Each structure stands twice: as structure tokens, then as C-alpha cells.
């Protein structure tokens, strides 16, 4: 099970990093839209 476990841990870490990146991208997009709306 050891190599499977190592691979799974890397998988989990990569998924978490991707989710954080997607959240930050969504947050930046939302802030940009809010700034545009405020300017208008």
C-alpha cells in the first residue's frame, strides 16, 4: 500500500492547490466585476 498512499497524498495536495487557485481566480473576477459595477 505504500506507493499507493504516496500517490494518493500527492493527488490530494494537488487537488487542494487547484481548488485554492480556482477560488482565488473566482474571487479576483468577482472583485473586478464589483469594481466595474461601482465605477458605473
ModelCIF file with pLDDT and N, C-alpha, C, O atoms, coordinates in Angstrom:
data_MODEL
#
_entry.id   MODEL 
#
_entity.id                         1 
_entity.type                       polymer 
_entity.pdbx_number_of_molecules   1 
#
_entity_poly.entity_id                      1 
_entity_poly.type                           'polypeptide(L)' 
_entity_poly.nstd_linkage                   no 
_entity_poly.nstd_monomer                   no 
_entity_poly.pdbx_seq_one_letter_code       
;(UNK)(UNK)(UNK)(UNK)(UNK)(UNK)(UNK)(UNK)(UNK)(UNK)(UNK)(UNK)(UNK)(UNK)(UNK)(UNK)
(UNK)(UNK)(UNK)(UNK)(UNK)(UNK)(UNK)(UNK)(UNK)(UNK)(UNK)(UNK)(UNK)(UNK)(UNK)(UNK)
(UNK)(UNK)(UNK)(UNK)(UNK)(UNK)(UNK)(UNK)
;
_entity_poly.pdbx_seq_one_letter_code_can   XXXXXXXXXXXXXXXXXXXXXXXXXXXXXXXXXXXXXXXX 
_entity_poly.pdbx_strand_id                 A 
#
loop_
_entity_poly_seq.entity_id 
_entity_poly_seq.num 
_entity_poly_seq.mon_id 
_entity_poly_seq.hetero 
1 1  UNK n 
1 2  UNK n 
1 3  UNK n 
1 4  UNK n 
1 5  UNK n 
1 6  UNK n 
1 7  UNK n 
1 8  UNK n 
1 9  UNK n 
1 10 UNK n 
1 11 UNK n 
1 12 UNK n 
1 13 UNK n 
1 14 UNK n 
1 15 UNK n 
1 16 UNK n 
1 17 UNK n 
1 18 UNK n 
1 19 UNK n 
1 20 UNK n 
1 21 UNK n 
1 22 UNK n 
1 23 UNK n 
1 24 UNK n 
1 25 UNK n 
1 26 UNK n 
1 27 UNK n 
1 28 UNK n 
1 29 UNK n 
1 30 UNK n 
1 31 UNK n 
1 32 UNK n 
1 33 UNK n 
1 34 UNK n 
1 35 UNK n 
1 36 UNK n 
1 37 UNK n 
1 38 UNK n 
1 39 UNK n 
1 40 UNK n 
#
_struct_asym.id          A 
_struct_asym.entity_id   1 
#
loop_
_ma_qa_metric.id 
_ma_qa_metric.mode 
_ma_qa_metric.name 
_ma_qa_metric.software_group_id 
_ma_qa_metric.type 
1 global pLDDT . pLDDT 
2 local  pLDDT . pLDDT 
#
_ma_qa_metric_global.metric_id      1 
_ma_qa_metric_global.metric_value   81.55 
_ma_qa_metric_global.model_id       1 
_ma_qa_metric_global.ordinal_id     1 
#
loop_
_ma_qa_metric_local.label_asym_id 
_ma_qa_metric_local.label_comp_id 
_ma_qa_metric_local.label_seq_id 
_ma_qa_metric_local.metric_id 
_ma_qa_metric_local.metric_value 
_ma_qa_metric_local.model_id 
_ma_qa_metric_local.ordinal_id 
A UNK 1  2 92.00 1 1  
A UNK 2  2 94.00 1 2  
A UNK 3  2 94.00 1 3  
A UNK 4  2 95.00 1 4  
A UNK 5  2 94.00 1 5  
A UNK 6  2 94.00 1 6  
A UNK 7  2 93.00 1 7  
A UNK 8  2 93.00 1 8  
A UNK 9  2 92.00 1 9  
A UNK 10 2 93.00 1 10 
A UNK 11 2 91.00 1 11 
A UNK 12 2 89.00 1 12 
A UNK 13 2 89.00 1 13 
A UNK 14 2 84.00 1 14 
A UNK 15 2 78.00 1 15 
A UNK 16 2 79.00 1 16 
A UNK 17 2 77.00 1 17 
A UNK 18 2 77.00 1 18 
A UNK 19 2 71.00 1 19 
A UNK 20 2 75.00 1 20 
A UNK 21 2 76.00 1 21 
A UNK 22 2 72.00 1 22 
A UNK 23 2 69.00 1 23 
A UNK 24 2 74.00 1 24 
A UNK 25 2 79.00 1 25 
A UNK 26 2 78.00 1 26 
A UNK 27 2 74.00 1 27 
A UNK 28 2 79.00 1 28 
A UNK 29 2 76.00 1 29 
A UNK 30 2 73.00 1 30 
A UNK 31 2 76.00 1 31 
A UNK 32 2 77.00 1 32 
A UNK 33 2 80.00 1 33 
A UNK 34 2 79.00 1 34 
A UNK 35 2 76.00 1 35 
A UNK 36 2 82.00 1 36 
A UNK 37 2 74.00 1 37 
A UNK 38 2 72.00 1 38 
A UNK 39 2 74.00 1 39 
A UNK 40 2 78.00 1 40 
#
loop_
_atom_site.group_PDB 
_atom_site.id 
_atom_site.type_symbol 
_atom_site.label_atom_id 
_atom_site.label_alt_id 
_atom_site.label_comp_id 
_atom_site.label_asym_id 
_atom_site.label_entity_id 
_atom_site.label_seq_id 
_atom_site.pdbx_PDB_ins_code 
_atom_site.Cartn_x 
_atom_site.Cartn_y 
_atom_site.Cartn_z 
_atom_site.occupancy 
_atom_site.B_iso_or_equiv 
_atom_site.pdbx_formal_charge 
_atom_site.auth_seq_id 
_atom_site.auth_comp_id 
_atom_site.auth_asym_id 
_atom_site.auth_atom_id 
_atom_site.pdbx_PDB_model_num 
ATOM 1   N N  . UNK A 1 1  ? 0.802   -1.239 0.000   1.00 92.00 ? 1  UNK A N  1 
ATOM 2   C CA . UNK A 1 1  ? 0.000   0.000  0.000   1.00 92.00 ? 1  UNK A CA 1 
ATOM 3   C C  . UNK A 1 1  ? 0.832   1.285  0.000   1.00 92.00 ? 1  UNK A C  1 
ATOM 4   O O  . UNK A 1 1  ? 0.293   2.360  -0.266  1.00 92.00 ? 1  UNK A O  1 
ATOM 5   N N  . UNK A 1 2  ? 2.126   1.196  0.292   1.00 94.00 ? 2  UNK A N  1 
ATOM 6   C CA . UNK A 1 2  ? 2.915   2.413  0.478   1.00 94.00 ? 2  UNK A CA 1 
ATOM 7   C C  . UNK A 1 2  ? 2.971   3.293  -0.767  1.00 94.00 ? 2  UNK A C  1 
ATOM 8   O O  . UNK A 1 2  ? 2.710   4.491  -0.658  1.00 94.00 ? 2  UNK A O  1 
ATOM 9   N N  . UNK A 1 3  ? 3.302   2.756  -1.954  1.00 94.00 ? 3  UNK A N  1 
ATOM 10  C CA . UNK A 1 3  ? 3.323   3.639  -3.132  1.00 94.00 ? 3  UNK A CA 1 
ATOM 11  C C  . UNK A 1 3  ? 1.949   4.198  -3.467  1.00 94.00 ? 3  UNK A C  1 
ATOM 12  O O  . UNK A 1 3  ? 1.834   5.337  -3.921  1.00 94.00 ? 3  UNK A O  1 
ATOM 13  N N  . UNK A 1 4  ? 0.908   3.403  -3.246  1.00 95.00 ? 4  UNK A N  1 
ATOM 14  C CA . UNK A 1 4  ? -0.459  3.909  -3.469  1.00 95.00 ? 4  UNK A CA 1 
ATOM 15  C C  . UNK A 1 4  ? -0.736  5.088  -2.548  1.00 95.00 ? 4  UNK A C  1 
ATOM 16  O O  . UNK A 1 4  ? -1.298  6.096  -2.975  1.00 95.00 ? 4  UNK A O  1 
ATOM 17  N N  . UNK A 1 5  ? -0.344  4.962  -1.295  1.00 94.00 ? 5  UNK A N  1 
ATOM 18  C CA . UNK A 1 5  ? -0.584  6.028  -0.312  1.00 94.00 ? 5  UNK A CA 1 
ATOM 19  C C  . UNK A 1 5  ? 0.173   7.299  -0.701  1.00 94.00 ? 5  UNK A C  1 
ATOM 20  O O  . UNK A 1 5  ? -0.376  8.398  -0.625  1.00 94.00 ? 5  UNK A O  1 
ATOM 21  N N  . UNK A 1 6  ? 1.426   7.150  -1.116  1.00 94.00 ? 6  UNK A N  1 
ATOM 22  C CA . UNK A 1 6  ? 2.216   8.324  -1.535  1.00 94.00 ? 6  UNK A CA 1 
ATOM 23  C C  . UNK A 1 6  ? 1.540   9.010  -2.715  1.00 94.00 ? 6  UNK A C  1 
ATOM 24  O O  . UNK A 1 6  ? 1.391   10.232 -2.731  1.00 94.00 ? 6  UNK A O  1 
ATOM 25  N N  . UNK A 1 7  ? 1.130   8.212  -3.707  1.00 93.00 ? 7  UNK A N  1 
ATOM 26  C CA . UNK A 1 7  ? 0.451   8.787  -4.866  1.00 93.00 ? 7  UNK A CA 1 
ATOM 27  C C  . UNK A 1 7  ? -0.839  9.476  -4.489  1.00 93.00 ? 7  UNK A C  1 
ATOM 28  O O  . UNK A 1 7  ? -1.172  10.526 -5.039  1.00 93.00 ? 7  UNK A O  1 
ATOM 29  N N  . UNK A 1 8  ? -1.569  8.892  -3.549  1.00 93.00 ? 8  UNK A N  1 
ATOM 30  C CA . UNK A 1 8  ? -2.856  9.481  -3.146  1.00 93.00 ? 8  UNK A CA 1 
ATOM 31  C C  . UNK A 1 8  ? -2.649  10.804 -2.417  1.00 93.00 ? 8  UNK A C  1 
ATOM 32  O O  . UNK A 1 8  ? -3.402  11.757 -2.618  1.00 93.00 ? 8  UNK A O  1 
ATOM 33  N N  . UNK A 1 9  ? -1.614  10.856 -1.563  1.00 92.00 ? 9  UNK A N  1 
ATOM 34  C CA . UNK A 1 9  ? -1.335  12.092 -0.846  1.00 92.00 ? 9  UNK A CA 1 
ATOM 35  C C  . UNK A 1 9  ? -0.974  13.218 -1.823  1.00 92.00 ? 9  UNK A C  1 
ATOM 36  O O  . UNK A 1 9  ? -1.418  14.355 -1.661  1.00 92.00 ? 9  UNK A O  1 
ATOM 37  N N  . UNK A 1 10 ? -0.174  12.892 -2.826  1.00 93.00 ? 10 UNK A N  1 
ATOM 38  C CA . UNK A 1 10 ? 0.176   13.896 -3.836  1.00 93.00 ? 10 UNK A CA 1 
ATOM 39  C C  . UNK A 1 10 ? -1.073  14.340 -4.583  1.00 93.00 ? 10 UNK A C  1 
ATOM 40  O O  . UNK A 1 10 ? -1.235  15.522 -4.888  1.00 93.00 ? 10 UNK A O  1 
ATOM 41  N N  . UNK A 1 11 ? -1.948  13.398 -4.872  1.00 91.00 ? 11 UNK A N  1 
ATOM 42  C CA . UNK A 1 11 ? -3.204  13.700 -5.548  1.00 91.00 ? 11 UNK A CA 1 
ATOM 43  C C  . UNK A 1 11 ? -4.039  14.679 -4.711  1.00 91.00 ? 11 UNK A C  1 
ATOM 44  O O  . UNK A 1 11 ? -4.553  15.669 -5.233  1.00 91.00 ? 11 UNK A O  1 
ATOM 45  N N  . UNK A 1 12 ? -4.167  14.397 -3.425  1.00 89.00 ? 12 UNK A N  1 
ATOM 46  C CA . UNK A 1 12 ? -4.971  15.241 -2.542  1.00 89.00 ? 12 UNK A CA 1 
ATOM 47  C C  . UNK A 1 12 ? -4.380  16.642 -2.455  1.00 89.00 ? 12 UNK A C  1 
ATOM 48  O O  . UNK A 1 12 ? -5.110  17.631 -2.519  1.00 89.00 ? 12 UNK A O  1 
ATOM 49  N N  . UNK A 1 13 ? -3.060  16.729 -2.310  1.00 89.00 ? 13 UNK A N  1 
ATOM 50  C CA . UNK A 1 13 ? -2.406  18.032 -2.225  1.00 89.00 ? 13 UNK A CA 1 
ATOM 51  C C  . UNK A 1 13 ? -2.588  18.821 -3.524  1.00 89.00 ? 13 UNK A C  1 
ATOM 52  O O  . UNK A 1 13 ? -2.833  20.027 -3.496  1.00 89.00 ? 13 UNK A O  1 
ATOM 53  N N  . UNK A 1 14 ? -2.468  18.134 -4.657  1.00 84.00 ? 14 UNK A N  1 
ATOM 54  C CA . UNK A 1 14 ? -2.628  18.820 -5.949  1.00 84.00 ? 14 UNK A CA 1 
ATOM 55  C C  . UNK A 1 14 ? -4.060  19.308 -6.125  1.00 84.00 ? 14 UNK A C  1 
ATOM 56  O O  . UNK A 1 14 ? -4.285  20.419 -6.604  1.00 84.00 ? 14 UNK A O  1 
ATOM 57  N N  . UNK A 1 15 ? -5.033  18.478 -5.736  1.00 78.00 ? 15 UNK A N  1 
ATOM 58  C CA . UNK A 1 15 ? -6.432  18.890 -5.838  1.00 78.00 ? 15 UNK A CA 1 
ATOM 59  C C  . UNK A 1 15 ? -6.719  20.101 -4.957  1.00 78.00 ? 15 UNK A C  1 
ATOM 60  O O  . UNK A 1 15 ? -7.430  21.022 -5.358  1.00 78.00 ? 15 UNK A O  1 
ATOM 61  N N  . UNK A 1 16 ? -6.148  20.085 -3.736  1.00 79.00 ? 16 UNK A N  1 
ATOM 62  C CA . UNK A 1 16 ? -6.352  21.210 -2.817  1.00 79.00 ? 16 UNK A CA 1 
ATOM 63  C C  . UNK A 1 16 ? -5.728  22.484 -3.374  1.00 79.00 ? 16 UNK A C  1 
ATOM 64  O O  . UNK A 1 16 ? -6.313  23.563 -3.276  1.00 79.00 ? 16 UNK A O  1 
ATOM 65  N N  . UNK A 1 17 ? -4.540  22.356 -3.959  1.00 77.00 ? 17 UNK A N  1 
ATOM 66  C CA . UNK A 1 17 ? -3.876  23.528 -4.545  1.00 77.00 ? 17 UNK A CA 1 
ATOM 67  C C  . UNK A 1 17 ? -4.682  24.071 -5.715  1.00 77.00 ? 17 UNK A C  1 
ATOM 68  O O  . UNK A 1 17 ? -4.807  25.286 -5.872  1.00 77.00 ? 17 UNK A O  1 
ATOM 69  N N  . UNK A 1 18 ? -5.233  23.175 -6.544  1.00 77.00 ? 18 UNK A N  1 
ATOM 70  C CA . UNK A 1 18 ? -6.036  23.612 -7.678  1.00 77.00 ? 18 UNK A CA 1 
ATOM 71  C C  . UNK A 1 18 ? -7.308  24.310 -7.216  1.00 77.00 ? 18 UNK A C  1 
ATOM 72  O O  . UNK A 1 18 ? -7.713  25.322 -7.788  1.00 77.00 ? 18 UNK A O  1 
ATOM 73  N N  . UNK A 1 19 ? -7.937  23.764 -6.178  1.00 71.00 ? 19 UNK A N  1 
ATOM 74  C CA . UNK A 1 19 ? -9.154  24.387 -5.656  1.00 71.00 ? 19 UNK A CA 1 
ATOM 75  C C  . UNK A 1 19 ? -8.868  25.774 -5.089  1.00 71.00 ? 19 UNK A C  1 
ATOM 76  O O  . UNK A 1 19 ? -9.660  26.698 -5.277  1.00 71.00 ? 19 UNK A O  1 
ATOM 77  N N  . UNK A 1 20 ? -7.735  25.924 -4.395  1.00 75.00 ? 20 UNK A N  1 
ATOM 78  C CA . UNK A 1 20 ? -7.363  27.245 -3.875  1.00 75.00 ? 20 UNK A CA 1 
ATOM 79  C C  . UNK A 1 20 ? -7.121  28.223 -5.015  1.00 75.00 ? 20 UNK A C  1 
ATOM 80  O O  . UNK A 1 20 ? -7.523  29.385 -4.943  1.00 75.00 ? 20 UNK A O  1 
ATOM 81  N N  . UNK A 1 21 ? -6.462  27.748 -6.068  1.00 76.00 ? 21 UNK A N  1 
ATOM 82  C CA . UNK A 1 21 ? -6.195  28.607 -7.212  1.00 76.00 ? 21 UNK A CA 1 
ATOM 83  C C  . UNK A 1 21 ? -7.489  29.036 -7.894  1.00 76.00 ? 21 UNK A C  1 
ATOM 84  O O  . UNK A 1 21 ? -7.646  30.196 -8.275  1.00 76.00 ? 21 UNK A O  1 
ATOM 85  N N  . UNK A 1 22 ? -8.419  28.086 -8.045  1.00 72.00 ? 22 UNK A N  1 
ATOM 86  C CA . UNK A 1 22 ? -9.700  28.407 -8.673  1.00 72.00 ? 22 UNK A CA 1 
ATOM 87  C C  . UNK A 1 22 ? -10.505 29.380 -7.813  1.00 72.00 ? 22 UNK A C  1 
ATOM 88  O O  . UNK A 1 22 ? -11.179 30.270 -8.332  1.00 72.00 ? 22 UNK A O  1 
ATOM 89  N N  . UNK A 1 23 ? -10.428 29.199 -6.488  1.00 69.00 ? 23 UNK A N  1 
ATOM 90  C CA . UNK A 1 23 ? -11.144 30.111 -5.590  1.00 69.00 ? 23 UNK A CA 1 
ATOM 91  C C  . UNK A 1 23 ? -10.578 31.526 -5.687  1.00 69.00 ? 23 UNK A C  1 
ATOM 92  O O  . UNK A 1 23 ? -11.334 32.496 -5.747  1.00 69.00 ? 23 UNK A O  1 
ATOM 93  N N  . UNK A 1 24 ? -9.248  31.647 -5.704  1.00 74.00 ? 24 UNK A N  1 
ATOM 94  C CA . UNK A 1 24 ? -8.621  32.961 -5.816  1.00 74.00 ? 24 UNK A CA 1 
ATOM 95  C C  . UNK A 1 24 ? -8.968  33.615 -7.151  1.00 74.00 ? 24 UNK A C  1 
ATOM 96  O O  . UNK A 1 24 ? -9.199  34.822 -7.222  1.00 74.00 ? 24 UNK A O  1 
ATOM 97  N N  . UNK A 1 25 ? -9.002  32.801 -8.209  1.00 79.00 ? 25 UNK A N  1 
ATOM 98  C CA . UNK A 1 25 ? -9.358  33.347 -9.525  1.00 79.00 ? 25 UNK A CA 1 
ATOM 99  C C  . UNK A 1 25 ? -10.796 33.839 -9.522  1.00 79.00 ? 25 UNK A C  1 
ATOM 100 O O  . UNK A 1 25 ? -11.095 34.906 -10.058 1.00 79.00 ? 25 UNK A O  1 
ATOM 101 N N  . UNK A 1 26 ? -11.695 33.053 -8.913  1.00 78.00 ? 26 UNK A N  1 
ATOM 102 C CA . UNK A 1 26 ? -13.096 33.474 -8.822  1.00 78.00 ? 26 UNK A CA 1 
ATOM 103 C C  . UNK A 1 26 ? -13.221 34.744 -7.983  1.00 78.00 ? 26 UNK A C  1 
ATOM 104 O O  . UNK A 1 26 ? -13.997 35.639 -8.319  1.00 78.00 ? 26 UNK A O  1 
ATOM 105 N N  . UNK A 1 27 ? -12.458 34.821 -6.892  1.00 74.00 ? 27 UNK A N  1 
ATOM 106 C CA . UNK A 1 27 ? -12.514 35.994 -6.022  1.00 74.00 ? 27 UNK A CA 1 
ATOM 107 C C  . UNK A 1 27 ? -12.036 37.237 -6.752  1.00 74.00 ? 27 UNK A C  1 
ATOM 108 O O  . UNK A 1 27 ? -12.638 38.305 -6.636  1.00 74.00 ? 27 UNK A O  1 
ATOM 109 N N  . UNK A 1 28 ? -10.930 37.092 -7.519  1.00 79.00 ? 28 UNK A N  1 
ATOM 110 C CA . UNK A 1 28 ? -10.421 38.240 -8.280  1.00 79.00 ? 28 UNK A CA 1 
ATOM 111 C C  . UNK A 1 28 ? -11.427 38.690 -9.326  1.00 79.00 ? 28 UNK A C  1 
ATOM 112 O O  . UNK A 1 28 ? -11.631 39.886 -9.530  1.00 79.00 ? 28 UNK A O  1 
ATOM 113 N N  . UNK A 1 29 ? -12.061 37.714 -9.994  1.00 76.00 ? 29 UNK A N  1 
ATOM 114 C CA . UNK A 1 29 ? -13.054 38.055 -11.006 1.00 76.00 ? 29 UNK A CA 1 
ATOM 115 C C  . UNK A 1 29 ? -14.252 38.762 -10.372 1.00 76.00 ? 29 UNK A C  1 
ATOM 116 O O  . UNK A 1 29 ? -14.771 39.730 -10.929 1.00 76.00 ? 29 UNK A O  1 
ATOM 117 N N  . UNK A 1 30 ? -14.691 38.277 -9.203  1.00 73.00 ? 30 UNK A N  1 
ATOM 118 C CA . UNK A 1 30 ? -15.817 38.898 -8.512  1.00 73.00 ? 30 UNK A CA 1 
ATOM 119 C C  . UNK A 1 30 ? -15.474 40.321 -8.082  1.00 73.00 ? 30 UNK A C  1 
ATOM 120 O O  . UNK A 1 30 ? -16.297 41.228 -8.206  1.00 73.00 ? 30 UNK A O  1 
ATOM 121 N N  . UNK A 1 31 ? -14.253 40.516 -7.574  1.00 76.00 ? 31 UNK A N  1 
ATOM 122 C CA . UNK A 1 31 ? -13.840 41.855 -7.164  1.00 76.00 ? 31 UNK A CA 1 
ATOM 123 C C  . UNK A 1 31 ? -13.755 42.801 -8.359  1.00 76.00 ? 31 UNK A C  1 
ATOM 124 O O  . UNK A 1 31 ? -14.115 43.974 -8.259  1.00 76.00 ? 31 UNK A O  1 
ATOM 125 N N  . UNK A 1 32 ? -13.277 42.283 -9.489  1.00 77.00 ? 32 UNK A N  1 
ATOM 126 C CA . UNK A 1 32 ? -13.195 43.102 -10.702 1.00 77.00 ? 32 UNK A CA 1 
ATOM 127 C C  . UNK A 1 32 ? -14.597 43.512 -11.162 1.00 77.00 ? 32 UNK A C  1 
ATOM 128 O O  . UNK A 1 32 ? -14.823 44.663 -11.534 1.00 77.00 ? 32 UNK A O  1 
ATOM 129 N N  . UNK A 1 33 ? -15.525 42.566 -11.134 1.00 80.00 ? 33 UNK A N  1 
ATOM 130 C CA . UNK A 1 33 ? -16.897 42.874 -11.529 1.00 80.00 ? 33 UNK A CA 1 
ATOM 131 C C  . UNK A 1 33 ? -17.524 43.899 -10.583 1.00 80.00 ? 33 UNK A C  1 
ATOM 132 O O  . UNK A 1 33 ? -18.255 44.790 -11.014 1.00 80.00 ? 33 UNK A O  1 
ATOM 133 N N  . UNK A 1 34 ? -17.226 43.758 -9.286  1.00 79.00 ? 34 UNK A N  1 
ATOM 134 C CA . UNK A 1 34 ? -17.758 44.696 -8.306  1.00 79.00 ? 34 UNK A CA 1 
ATOM 135 C C  . UNK A 1 34 ? -17.177 46.097 -8.524  1.00 79.00 ? 34 UNK A C  1 
ATOM 136 O O  . UNK A 1 34 ? -17.887 47.095 -8.400  1.00 79.00 ? 34 UNK A O  1 
ATOM 137 N N  . UNK A 1 35 ? -15.873 46.164 -8.852  1.00 76.00 ? 35 UNK A N  1 
ATOM 138 C CA . UNK A 1 35 ? -15.244 47.461 -9.114  1.00 76.00 ? 35 UNK A CA 1 
ATOM 139 C C  . UNK A 1 35 ? -15.852 48.122 -10.347 1.00 76.00 ? 35 UNK A C  1 
ATOM 140 O O  . UNK A 1 35 ? -16.080 49.332 -10.364 1.00 76.00 ? 35 UNK A O  1 
ATOM 141 N N  . UNK A 1 36 ? -16.112 47.317 -11.379 1.00 82.00 ? 36 UNK A N  1 
ATOM 142 C CA . UNK A 1 36 ? -16.728 47.851 -12.590 1.00 82.00 ? 36 UNK A CA 1 
ATOM 143 C C  . UNK A 1 36 ? -18.132 48.377 -12.287 1.00 82.00 ? 36 UNK A C  1 
ATOM 144 O O  . UNK A 1 36 ? -18.532 49.449 -12.741 1.00 82.00 ? 36 UNK A O  1 
ATOM 145 N N  . UNK A 1 37 ? -18.869 47.574 -11.496 1.00 74.00 ? 37 UNK A N  1 
ATOM 146 C CA . UNK A 1 37 ? -20.232 47.990 -11.146 1.00 74.00 ? 37 UNK A CA 1 
ATOM 147 C C  . UNK A 1 37 ? -20.212 49.277 -10.332 1.00 74.00 ? 37 UNK A C  1 
ATOM 148 O O  . UNK A 1 37 ? -21.046 50.157 -10.546 1.00 74.00 ? 37 UNK A O  1 
ATOM 149 N N  . UNK A 1 38 ? -19.262 49.395 -9.394  1.00 72.00 ? 38 UNK A N  1 
ATOM 150 C CA . UNK A 1 38 ? -19.161 50.620 -8.589  1.00 72.00 ? 38 UNK A CA 1 
ATOM 151 C C  . UNK A 1 38 ? -18.807 51.820 -9.464  1.00 72.00 ? 38 UNK A C  1 
ATOM 152 O O  . UNK A 1 38 ? -19.346 52.912 -9.281  1.00 72.00 ? 38 UNK A O  1 
ATOM 153 N N  . UNK A 1 39 ? -17.895 51.609 -10.417 1.00 74.00 ? 39 UNK A N  1 
ATOM 154 C CA . UNK A 1 39 ? -17.496 52.703 -11.305 1.00 74.00 ? 39 UNK A CA 1 
ATOM 155 C C  . UNK A 1 39 ? -18.676 53.159 -12.154 1.00 74.00 ? 39 UNK A C  1 
ATOM 156 O O  . UNK A 1 39 ? -18.877 54.359 -12.346 1.00 74.00 ? 39 UNK A O  1 
ATOM 157 N N  . UNK A 1 40 ? -19.441 52.226 -12.655 1.00 78.00 ? 40 UNK A N  1 
ATOM 158 C CA . UNK A 1 40 ? -20.610 52.569 -13.469 1.00 78.00 ? 40 UNK A CA 1 
ATOM 159 C C  . UNK A 1 40 ? -21.638 53.320 -12.627 1.00 78.00 ? 40 UNK A C  1 
ATOM 160 O O  . UNK A 1 40 ? -22.695 53.697 -13.134 1.00 78.00 ? 40 UNK A O  1 
#
